């Protein structure tokens, strides 16, 4: 099975499970990954991010195969809410 066939078989649910396993070192049932499982899962997660998900999230693999790195300003912009309910200055409280 080549990489494209393998990626075609990976559903978003399988991707999330593999991503969780790589991040935590454990499967969803709590069983620890072997070093081989971790290496293989990491490679598949990175390939999926690059070829299928095409994500622009911080610290993912982008469509060009390179790590997506955002500046502090870009991260703040991503996390700030445009729908603020209220903002107060120190003197207003």
PDB file of N, CA and C in Angstrom:
ATOM      1  N   UNK A   1       0.857  -1.171   0.000  1.00  0.00           N
ATOM      2  CA  UNK A   1       0.000   0.000   0.000  1.00  0.00           C
ATOM      3  C   UNK A   1       0.904   1.235   0.000  1.00  0.00           C
ATOM      4  N   UNK A   2       0.647   2.144  -0.938  1.00  0.00           N
ATOM      5  CA  UNK A   2       1.459   3.358  -0.963  1.00  0.00           C
ATOM      6  C   UNK A   2       0.824   4.437  -0.085  1.00  0.00           C
ATOM      7  N   UNK A   3       1.523   5.545   0.045  1.00  0.00           N
ATOM      8  CA  UNK A   3       1.087   6.606   0.959  1.00  0.00           C
ATOM      9  C   UNK A   3      -0.267   7.183   0.564  1.00  0.00           C
ATOM     10  N   UNK A   4      -0.487   7.417  -0.736  1.00  0.00           N
ATOM     11  CA  UNK A   4      -1.763   7.994  -1.175  1.00  0.00           C
ATOM     12  C   UNK A   4      -2.937   7.077  -0.862  1.00  0.00           C
ATOM     13  N   UNK A   5      -2.755   5.777  -1.042  1.00  0.00           N
ATOM     14  CA  UNK A   5      -3.813   4.821  -0.708  1.00  0.00           C
ATOM     15  C   UNK A   5      -4.076   4.811   0.794  1.00  0.00           C
ATOM     16  N   UNK A   6      -3.006   4.883   1.561  1.00  0.00           N
ATOM     17  CA  UNK A   6      -3.148   4.882   3.012  1.00  0.00           C
ATOM     18  C   UNK A   6      -3.886   6.141   3.475  1.00  0.00           C
ATOM     19  N   UNK A   7      -3.518   7.294   2.916  1.00  0.00           N
ATOM     20  CA  UNK A   7      -4.175   8.542   3.304  1.00  0.00           C
ATOM     21  C   UNK A   7      -5.639   8.554   2.892  1.00  0.00           C
ATOM     22  N   UNK A   8      -5.963   7.928   1.765  1.00  0.00           N
ATOM     23  CA  UNK A   8      -7.356   7.857   1.322  1.00  0.00           C
ATOM     24  C   UNK A   8      -8.199   7.034   2.294  1.00  0.00           C
ATOM     25  N   UNK A   9      -7.570   6.091   2.972  1.00  0.00           N
ATOM     26  CA  UNK A   9      -8.289   5.237   3.919  1.00  0.00           C
ATOM     27  C   UNK A   9      -8.438   5.877   5.298  1.00  0.00           C
ATOM     28  N   UNK A  10      -7.710   6.954   5.553  1.00  0.00           N
ATOM     29  CA  UNK A  10      -7.752   7.605   6.868  1.00  0.00           C
ATOM     30  C   UNK A  10      -8.949   8.552   6.934  1.00  0.00           C
ATOM     31  N   UNK A  11      -9.861   8.272   7.847  1.00  0.00           N
ATOM     32  CA  UNK A  11     -11.010   9.155   8.060  1.00  0.00           C
ATOM     33  C   UNK A  11     -10.606  10.251   9.045  1.00  0.00           C
ATOM     34  N   UNK A  12     -11.370  11.336   9.107  1.00  0.00           N
ATOM     35  CA  UNK A  12     -11.060  12.368  10.104  1.00  0.00           C
ATOM     36  C   UNK A  12     -11.033  11.820  11.532  1.00  0.00           C
ATOM     37  N   UNK A  13     -11.884  10.851  11.830  1.00  0.00           N
ATOM     38  CA  UNK A  13     -11.901  10.256  13.175  1.00  0.00           C
ATOM     39  C   UNK A  13     -10.603   9.491  13.449  1.00  0.00           C
ATOM     40  N   UNK A  14     -10.145   8.732  12.461  1.00  0.00           N
ATOM     41  CA  UNK A  14      -8.889   7.995  12.613  1.00  0.00           C
ATOM     42  C   UNK A  14      -7.737   8.978  12.778  1.00  0.00           C
ATOM     43  N   UNK A  15      -7.748  10.057  11.984  1.00  0.00           N
ATOM     44  CA  UNK A  15      -6.707  11.081  12.096  1.00  0.00           C
ATOM     45  C   UNK A  15      -6.677  11.666  13.505  1.00  0.00           C
ATOM     46  N   UNK A  16      -7.831  12.009  14.057  1.00  0.00           N
ATOM     47  CA  UNK A  16      -7.892  12.584  15.408  1.00  0.00           C
ATOM     48  C   UNK A  16      -7.368  11.591  16.447  1.00  0.00           C
ATOM     49  N   UNK A  17      -7.702  10.308  16.283  1.00  0.00           N
ATOM     50  CA  UNK A  17      -7.199   9.285  17.212  1.00  0.00           C
ATOM     51  C   UNK A  17      -5.687   9.153  17.120  1.00  0.00           C
ATOM     52  N   UNK A  18      -5.155   9.165  15.897  1.00  0.00           N
ATOM     53  CA  UNK A  18      -3.703   9.085  15.717  1.00  0.00           C
ATOM     54  C   UNK A  18      -3.017  10.323  16.281  1.00  0.00           C
ATOM     55  N   UNK A  19      -3.604  11.476  16.043  1.00  0.00           N
ATOM     56  CA  UNK A  19      -3.040  12.731  16.550  1.00  0.00           C
ATOM     57  C   UNK A  19      -3.005  12.714  18.078  1.00  0.00           C
ATOM     58  N   UNK A  20      -4.091  12.265  18.696  1.00  0.00           N
ATOM     59  CA  UNK A  20      -4.145  12.156  20.153  1.00  0.00           C
ATOM     60  C   UNK A  20      -3.055  11.209  20.654  1.00  0.00           C
ATOM     61  N   UNK A  21      -2.899  10.087  19.970  1.00  0.00           N
ATOM     62  CA  UNK A  21      -1.904   9.094  20.377  1.00  0.00           C
ATOM     63  C   UNK A  21      -0.490   9.661  20.284  1.00  0.00           C
ATOM     64  N   UNK A  22      -0.214  10.399  19.224  1.00  0.00           N
ATOM     65  CA  UNK A  22       1.116  10.992  19.057  1.00  0.00           C
ATOM     66  C   UNK A  22       1.366  12.052  20.124  1.00  0.00           C
ATOM     67  N   UNK A  23       0.352  12.871  20.407  1.00  0.00           N
ATOM     68  CA  UNK A  23       0.508  13.957  21.383  1.00  0.00           C
ATOM     69  C   UNK A  23       0.687  13.439  22.806  1.00  0.00           C
ATOM     70  N   UNK A  24      -0.023  12.367  23.154  1.00  0.00           N
ATOM     71  CA  UNK A  24      -0.021  11.897  24.542  1.00  0.00           C
ATOM     72  C   UNK A  24       0.848  10.658  24.775  1.00  0.00           C
ATOM     73  N   UNK A  25       1.153   9.932  23.703  1.00  0.00           N
ATOM     74  CA  UNK A  25       1.907   8.689  23.859  1.00  0.00           C
ATOM     75  C   UNK A  25       1.039   7.515  24.265  1.00  0.00           C
ATOM     76  N   UNK A  26      -0.286   7.718  24.231  1.00  0.00           N
ATOM     77  CA  UNK A  26      -1.225   6.663  24.619  1.00  0.00           C
ATOM     78  C   UNK A  26      -2.364   6.598  23.608  1.00  0.00           C
ATOM     79  N   UNK A  27      -2.915   5.397  23.457  1.00  0.00           N
ATOM     80  CA  UNK A  27      -4.125   5.248  22.668  1.00  0.00           C
ATOM     81  C   UNK A  27      -5.304   5.736  23.501  1.00  0.00           C
ATOM     82  N   UNK A  28      -6.450   5.856  22.888  1.00  0.00           N
ATOM     83  CA  UNK A  28      -7.644   6.336  23.596  1.00  0.00           C
ATOM     84  C   UNK A  28      -8.003   5.445  24.788  1.00  0.00           C
ATOM     85  N   UNK A  29      -7.672   4.164  24.714  1.00  0.00           N
ATOM     86  CA  UNK A  29      -7.996   3.248  25.816  1.00  0.00           C
ATOM     87  C   UNK A  29      -6.968   3.284  26.942  1.00  0.00           C
ATOM     88  N   UNK A  30      -5.954   4.146  26.817  1.00  0.00           N
ATOM     89  CA  UNK A  30      -4.954   4.295  27.863  1.00  0.00           C
ATOM     90  C   UNK A  30      -3.698   3.465  27.668  1.00  0.00           C
ATOM     91  N   UNK A  31      -3.716   2.570  26.683  1.00  0.00           N
ATOM     92  CA  UNK A  31      -2.544   1.724  26.432  1.00  0.00           C
ATOM     93  C   UNK A  31      -1.423   2.561  25.813  1.00  0.00           C
ATOM     94  N   UNK A  32      -0.206   2.352  26.304  1.00  0.00           N
ATOM     95  CA  UNK A  32       0.950   3.114  25.843  1.00  0.00           C
ATOM     96  C   UNK A  32       1.373   2.664  24.443  1.00  0.00           C
ATOM     97  N   UNK A  33       1.763   3.627  23.595  1.00  0.00           N
ATOM     98  CA  UNK A  33       2.264   3.312  22.263  1.00  0.00           C
ATOM     99  C   UNK A  33       3.677   2.767  22.358  1.00  0.00           C
ATOM    100  N   UNK A  34       3.990   1.837  21.474  1.00  0.00           N
ATOM    101  CA  UNK A  34       5.378   1.410  21.363  1.00  0.00           C
ATOM    102  C   UNK A  34       6.124   2.491  20.581  1.00  0.00           C
ATOM    103  N   UNK A  35       7.429   2.454  20.619  1.00  0.00           N
ATOM    104  CA  UNK A  35       8.218   3.451  19.884  1.00  0.00           C
ATOM    105  C   UNK A  35       7.928   3.368  18.386  1.00  0.00           C
ATOM    106  N   UNK A  36       7.778   2.162  17.864  1.00  0.00           N
ATOM    107  CA  UNK A  36       7.469   1.964  16.437  1.00  0.00           C
ATOM    108  C   UNK A  36       6.100   2.537  16.103  1.00  0.00           C
ATOM    109  N   UNK A  37       5.099   2.295  16.955  1.00  0.00           N
ATOM    110  CA  UNK A  37       3.762   2.840  16.729  1.00  0.00           C
ATOM    111  C   UNK A  37       3.792   4.362  16.735  1.00  0.00           C
ATOM    112  N   UNK A  38       4.555   4.922  17.657  1.00  0.00           N
ATOM    113  CA  UNK A  38       4.633   6.379  17.754  1.00  0.00           C
ATOM    114  C   UNK A  38       5.283   6.978  16.503  1.00  0.00           C
ATOM    115  N   UNK A  39       6.368   6.374  16.032  1.00  0.00           N
ATOM    116  CA  UNK A  39       7.046   6.857  14.829  1.00  0.00           C
ATOM    117  C   UNK A  39       6.130   6.774  13.610  1.00  0.00           C
ATOM    118  N   UNK A  40       5.480   5.616  13.430  1.00  0.00           N
ATOM    119  CA  UNK A  40       4.605   5.425  12.275  1.00  0.00           C
ATOM    120  C   UNK A  40       3.393   6.352  12.335  1.00  0.00           C
ATOM    121  N   UNK A  41       2.818   6.498  13.522  1.00  0.00           N
ATOM    122  CA  UNK A  41       1.657   7.377  13.687  1.00  0.00           C
ATOM    123  C   UNK A  41       2.026   8.827  13.413  1.00  0.00           C
ATOM    124  N   UNK A  42       3.186   9.247  13.888  1.00  0.00           N
ATOM    125  CA  UNK A  42       3.636  10.618  13.657  1.00  0.00           C
ATOM    126  C   UNK A  42       3.818  10.885  12.168  1.00  0.00           C
ATOM    127  N   UNK A  43       4.417   9.945  11.458  1.00  0.00           N
ATOM    128  CA  UNK A  43       4.598  10.118  10.017  1.00  0.00           C
ATOM    129  C   UNK A  43       3.261  10.219   9.303  1.00  0.00           C
ATOM    130  N   UNK A  44       2.300   9.395   9.694  1.00  0.00           N
ATOM    131  CA  UNK A  44       0.989   9.426   9.054  1.00  0.00           C
ATOM    132  C   UNK A  44       0.241  10.713   9.386  1.00  0.00           C
ATOM    133  N   UNK A  45       0.337  11.179  10.618  1.00  0.00           N
ATOM    134  CA  UNK A  45      -0.308  12.439  11.006  1.00  0.00           C
ATOM    135  C   UNK A  45       0.272  13.603  10.201  1.00  0.00           C
ATOM    136  N   UNK A  46       1.588  13.639  10.072  1.00  0.00           N
ATOM    137  CA  UNK A  46       2.226  14.722   9.318  1.00  0.00           C
ATOM    138  C   UNK A  46       1.845  14.663   7.837  1.00  0.00           C
ATOM    139  N   UNK A  47       1.796  13.474   7.258  1.00  0.00           N
ATOM    140  CA  UNK A  47       1.399  13.330   5.857  1.00  0.00           C
ATOM    141  C   UNK A  47      -0.054  13.744   5.668  1.00  0.00           C
ATOM    142  N   UNK A  48      -0.927  13.363   6.606  1.00  0.00           N
ATOM    143  CA  UNK A  48      -2.343  13.726   6.526  1.00  0.00           C
ATOM    144  C   UNK A  48      -2.510  15.239   6.600  1.00  0.00           C
ATOM    145  N   UNK A  49      -1.803  15.882   7.533  1.00  0.00           N
ATOM    146  CA  UNK A  49      -1.892  17.336   7.660  1.00  0.00           C
ATOM    147  C   UNK A  49      -1.452  18.018   6.374  1.00  0.00           C
ATOM    148  N   UNK A  50      -0.432  17.499   5.745  1.00  0.00           N
ATOM    149  CA  UNK A  50       0.124  18.114   4.549  1.00  0.00           C
ATOM    150  C   UNK A  50      -0.736  17.882   3.313  1.00  0.00           C
ATOM    151  N   UNK A  51      -1.207  16.667   3.114  1.00  0.00           N
ATOM    152  CA  UNK A  51      -1.867  16.319   1.863  1.00  0.00           C
ATOM    153  C   UNK A  51      -3.388  16.348   1.916  1.00  0.00           C
ATOM    154  N   UNK A  52      -3.980  16.126   3.083  1.00  0.00           N
ATOM    155  CA  UNK A  52      -5.434  16.050   3.174  1.00  0.00           C
ATOM    156  C   UNK A  52      -6.018  17.264   3.896  1.00  0.00           C
ATOM    157  N   UNK A  53      -5.570  17.516   5.111  1.00  0.00           N
ATOM    158  CA  UNK A  53      -6.156  18.582   5.927  1.00  0.00           C
ATOM    159  C   UNK A  53      -5.790  19.965   5.408  1.00  0.00           C
ATOM    160  N   UNK A  54      -4.597  20.112   4.888  1.00  0.00           N
ATOM    161  CA  UNK A  54      -4.104  21.394   4.373  1.00  0.00           C
ATOM    162  C   UNK A  54      -4.390  22.515   5.372  1.00  0.00           C
ATOM    163  N   UNK A  55      -4.008  22.265   6.597  1.00  0.00           N
ATOM    164  CA  UNK A  55      -4.272  23.173   7.704  1.00  0.00           C
ATOM    165  C   UNK A  55      -3.265  24.311   7.742  1.00  0.00           C
ATOM    166  N   UNK A  56      -3.722  25.460   8.243  1.00  0.00           N
ATOM    167  CA  UNK A  56      -2.794  26.573   8.461  1.00  0.00           C
ATOM    168  C   UNK A  56      -2.669  26.873   9.952  1.00  0.00           C
ATOM    169  N   UNK A  57      -3.028  25.886  10.789  1.00  0.00           N
ATOM    170  CA  UNK A  57      -2.903  26.052  12.234  1.00  0.00           C
ATOM    171  C   UNK A  57      -1.435  26.031  12.638  1.00  0.00           C
ATOM    172  N   UNK A  58      -1.142  26.717  13.730  1.00  0.00           N
ATOM    173  CA  UNK A  58       0.218  26.800  14.259  1.00  0.00           C
ATOM    174  C   UNK A  58       0.752  25.410  14.597  1.00  0.00           C
ATOM    175  N   UNK A  59       1.975  25.143  14.220  1.00  0.00           N
ATOM    176  CA  UNK A  59       2.677  23.882  14.471  1.00  0.00           C
ATOM    177  C   UNK A  59       2.004  22.669  13.835  1.00  0.00           C
ATOM    178  N   UNK A  60       1.442  22.859  12.648  1.00  0.00           N
ATOM    179  CA  UNK A  60       0.999  21.733  11.839  1.00  0.00           C
ATOM    180  C   UNK A  60       1.849  21.734  10.577  1.00  0.00           C
ATOM    181  N   UNK A  61       1.708  20.706   9.773  1.00  0.00           N
ATOM    182  CA  UNK A  61       2.445  20.636   8.517  1.00  0.00           C
ATOM    183  C   UNK A  61       1.548  21.197   7.423  1.00  0.00           C
ATOM    184  N   UNK A  62       2.026  22.218   6.738  1.00  0.00           N
ATOM    185  CA  UNK A  62       1.255  22.883   5.696  1.00  0.00           C
ATOM    186  C   UNK A  62       1.263  22.117   4.387  1.00  0.00           C
ATOM    187  N   UNK A  63       0.474  22.581   3.414  1.00  0.00           N
ATOM    188  CA  UNK A  63       0.388  21.912   2.110  1.00  0.00           C
ATOM    189  C   UNK A  63       1.724  21.810   1.377  1.00  0.00           C
ATOM    190  N   UNK A  64       2.635  22.723   1.661  1.00  0.00           N
ATOM    191  CA  UNK A  64       3.947  22.684   1.008  1.00  0.00           C
ATOM    192  C   UNK A  64       4.910  21.722   1.703  1.00  0.00           C
ATOM    193  N   UNK A  65       4.450  21.067   2.775  1.00  0.00           N
ATOM    194  CA  UNK A  65       5.280  20.103   3.481  1.00  0.00           C
ATOM    195  C   UNK A  65       6.137  20.707   4.577  1.00  0.00           C
ATOM    196  N   UNK A  66       6.018  22.010   4.794  1.00  0.00           N
ATOM    197  CA  UNK A  66       6.814  22.671   5.827  1.00  0.00           C
ATOM    198  C   UNK A  66       5.956  22.974   7.048  1.00  0.00           C
ATOM    199  N   UNK A  67       6.610  23.093   8.191  1.00  0.00           N
ATOM    200  CA  UNK A  67       5.937  23.393   9.450  1.00  0.00           C
ATOM    201  C   UNK A  67       5.339  24.797   9.396  1.00  0.00           C
ATOM    202  N   UNK A  68       4.069  24.921   9.792  1.00  0.00           N
ATOM    203  CA  UNK A  68       3.412  26.227   9.856  1.00  0.00           C
ATOM    204  C   UNK A  68       3.804  26.875  11.176  1.00  0.00           C
ATOM    205  N   UNK A  69       4.440  28.011  11.086  1.00  0.00           N
ATOM    206  CA  UNK A  69       4.857  28.756  12.277  1.00  0.00           C
ATOM    207  C   UNK A  69       4.236  30.146  12.174  1.00  0.00           C
ATOM    208  N   UNK A  70       3.568  30.567  13.224  1.00  0.00           N
ATOM    209  CA  UNK A  70       2.947  31.887  13.228  1.00  0.00           C
ATOM    210  C   UNK A  70       3.660  32.786  14.224  1.00  0.00           C
ATOM    211  N   UNK A  71       3.656  34.071  13.902  1.00  0.00           N
ATOM    212  CA  UNK A  71       4.256  35.044  14.807  1.00  0.00           C
ATOM    213  C   UNK A  71       3.327  35.265  15.997  1.00  0.00           C
ATOM    214  N   UNK A  72       3.852  35.905  17.014  1.00  0.00           N
ATOM    215  CA  UNK A  72       3.053  36.210  18.203  1.00  0.00           C
ATOM    216  C   UNK A  72       1.850  37.070  17.819  1.00  0.00           C
ATOM    217  N   UNK A  73       2.062  38.008  16.921  1.00  0.00           N
ATOM    218  CA  UNK A  73       0.974  38.888  16.475  1.00  0.00           C
ATOM    219  C   UNK A  73      -0.124  38.082  15.778  1.00  0.00           C
ATOM    220  N   UNK A  74       0.270  37.145  14.912  1.00  0.00           N
ATOM    221  CA  UNK A  74      -0.717  36.327  14.209  1.00  0.00           C
ATOM    222  C   UNK A  74      -1.496  35.444  15.185  1.00  0.00           C
ATOM    223  N   UNK A  75      -0.806  34.895  16.171  1.00  0.00           N
ATOM    224  CA  UNK A  75      -1.485  34.056  17.159  1.00  0.00           C
ATOM    225  C   UNK A  75      -2.474  34.862  17.991  1.00  0.00           C
ATOM    226  N   UNK A  76      -2.066  36.062  18.401  1.00  0.00           N
ATOM    227  CA  UNK A  76      -2.985  36.915  19.166  1.00  0.00           C
ATOM    228  C   UNK A  76      -4.219  37.236  18.341  1.00  0.00           C
ATOM    229  N   UNK A  77      -4.008  37.544  17.069  1.00  0.00           N
ATOM    230  CA  UNK A  77      -5.123  37.872  16.181  1.00  0.00           C
ATOM    231  C   UNK A  77      -6.077  36.682  16.063  1.00  0.00           C
ATOM    232  N   UNK A  78      -5.519  35.472  15.956  1.00  0.00           N
ATOM    233  CA  UNK A  78      -6.345  34.275  15.844  1.00  0.00           C
ATOM    234  C   UNK A  78      -7.169  34.025  17.105  1.00  0.00           C
ATOM    235  N   UNK A  79      -6.608  34.342  18.272  1.00  0.00           N
ATOM    236  CA  UNK A  79      -7.281  34.032  19.527  1.00  0.00           C
ATOM    237  C   UNK A  79      -8.179  35.149  20.057  1.00  0.00           C
ATOM    238  N   UNK A  80      -8.013  36.357  19.552  1.00  0.00           N
ATOM    239  CA  UNK A  80      -8.867  37.443  20.013  1.00  0.00           C
ATOM    240  C   UNK A  80     -10.266  37.287  19.438  1.00  0.00           C
ATOM    241  N   UNK A  81     -11.232  37.561  20.230  1.00  0.00           N
ATOM    242  CA  UNK A  81     -12.614  37.449  19.794  1.00  0.00           C
ATOM    243  C   UNK A  81     -13.071  38.757  19.165  1.00  0.00           C
ATOM    244  N   UNK A  82     -13.696  38.640  18.007  1.00  0.00           N
ATOM    245  CA  UNK A  82     -14.270  39.823  17.367  1.00  0.00           C
ATOM    246  C   UNK A  82     -15.621  40.174  17.979  1.00  0.00           C
ATOM    247  N   UNK A  83     -16.148  39.294  18.759  1.00  0.00           N
ATOM    248  CA  UNK A  83     -17.475  39.481  19.328  1.00  0.00           C
ATOM    249  C   UNK A  83     -17.381  39.804  20.820  1.00  0.00           C
ATOM    250  N   UNK A  84     -16.601  40.794  21.183  1.00  0.00           N
ATOM    251  CA  UNK A  84     -16.491  41.178  22.590  1.00  0.00           C
ATOM    252  C   UNK A  84     -17.840  41.664  23.100  1.00  0.00           C
ATOM    253  N   UNK A  85     -18.191  41.254  24.290  1.00  0.00           N
ATOM    254  CA  UNK A  85     -19.419  41.727  24.915  1.00  0.00           C
ATOM    255  C   UNK A  85     -19.178  43.106  25.505  1.00  0.00           C
ATOM    256  N   UNK A  86     -18.074  43.267  26.211  1.00  0.00           N
ATOM    257  CA  UNK A  86     -17.740  44.562  26.805  1.00  0.00           C
ATOM    258  C   UNK A  86     -16.249  44.611  27.080  1.00  0.00           C
ATOM    259  N   UNK A  87     -15.700  45.800  26.996  1.00  0.00           N
ATOM    260  CA  UNK A  87     -14.292  46.021  27.348  1.00  0.00           C
ATOM    261  C   UNK A  87     -14.242  47.185  28.326  1.00  0.00           C
ATOM    262  N   UNK A  88     -13.427  47.042  29.367  1.00  0.00           N
ATOM    263  CA  UNK A  88     -13.301  48.074  30.379  1.00  0.00           C
ATOM    264  C   UNK A  88     -11.844  48.440  30.567  1.00  0.00           C
ATOM    265  N   UNK A  89     -11.597  49.707  30.829  1.00  0.00           N
ATOM    266  CA  UNK A  89     -10.272  50.155  31.232  1.00  0.00           C
ATOM    267  C   UNK A  89     -10.164  50.001  32.738  1.00  0.00           C
ATOM    268  N   UNK A  90      -8.962  50.102  33.253  1.00  0.00           N
ATOM    269  CA  UNK A  90      -8.740  49.965  34.689  1.00  0.00           C
ATOM    270  C   UNK A  90      -9.553  50.995  35.479  1.00  0.00           C
ATOM    271  N   UNK A  91      -9.668  52.213  34.957  1.00  0.00           N
ATOM    272  CA  UNK A  91     -10.388  53.283  35.662  1.00  0.00           C
ATOM    273  C   UNK A  91     -11.902  53.102  35.631  1.00  0.00           C
ATOM    274  N   UNK A  92     -12.413  52.296  34.731  1.00  0.00           N
ATOM    275  CA  UNK A  92     -13.856  52.103  34.605  1.00  0.00           C
ATOM    276  C   UNK A  92     -14.422  51.157  35.660  1.00  0.00           C
ATOM    277  N   UNK A  93     -13.575  50.389  36.283  1.00  0.00           N
ATOM    278  CA  UNK A  93     -14.066  49.362  37.212  1.00  0.00           C
ATOM    279  C   UNK A  93     -14.160  49.891  38.614  1.00  0.00           C
TER     280      UNK A  93
END
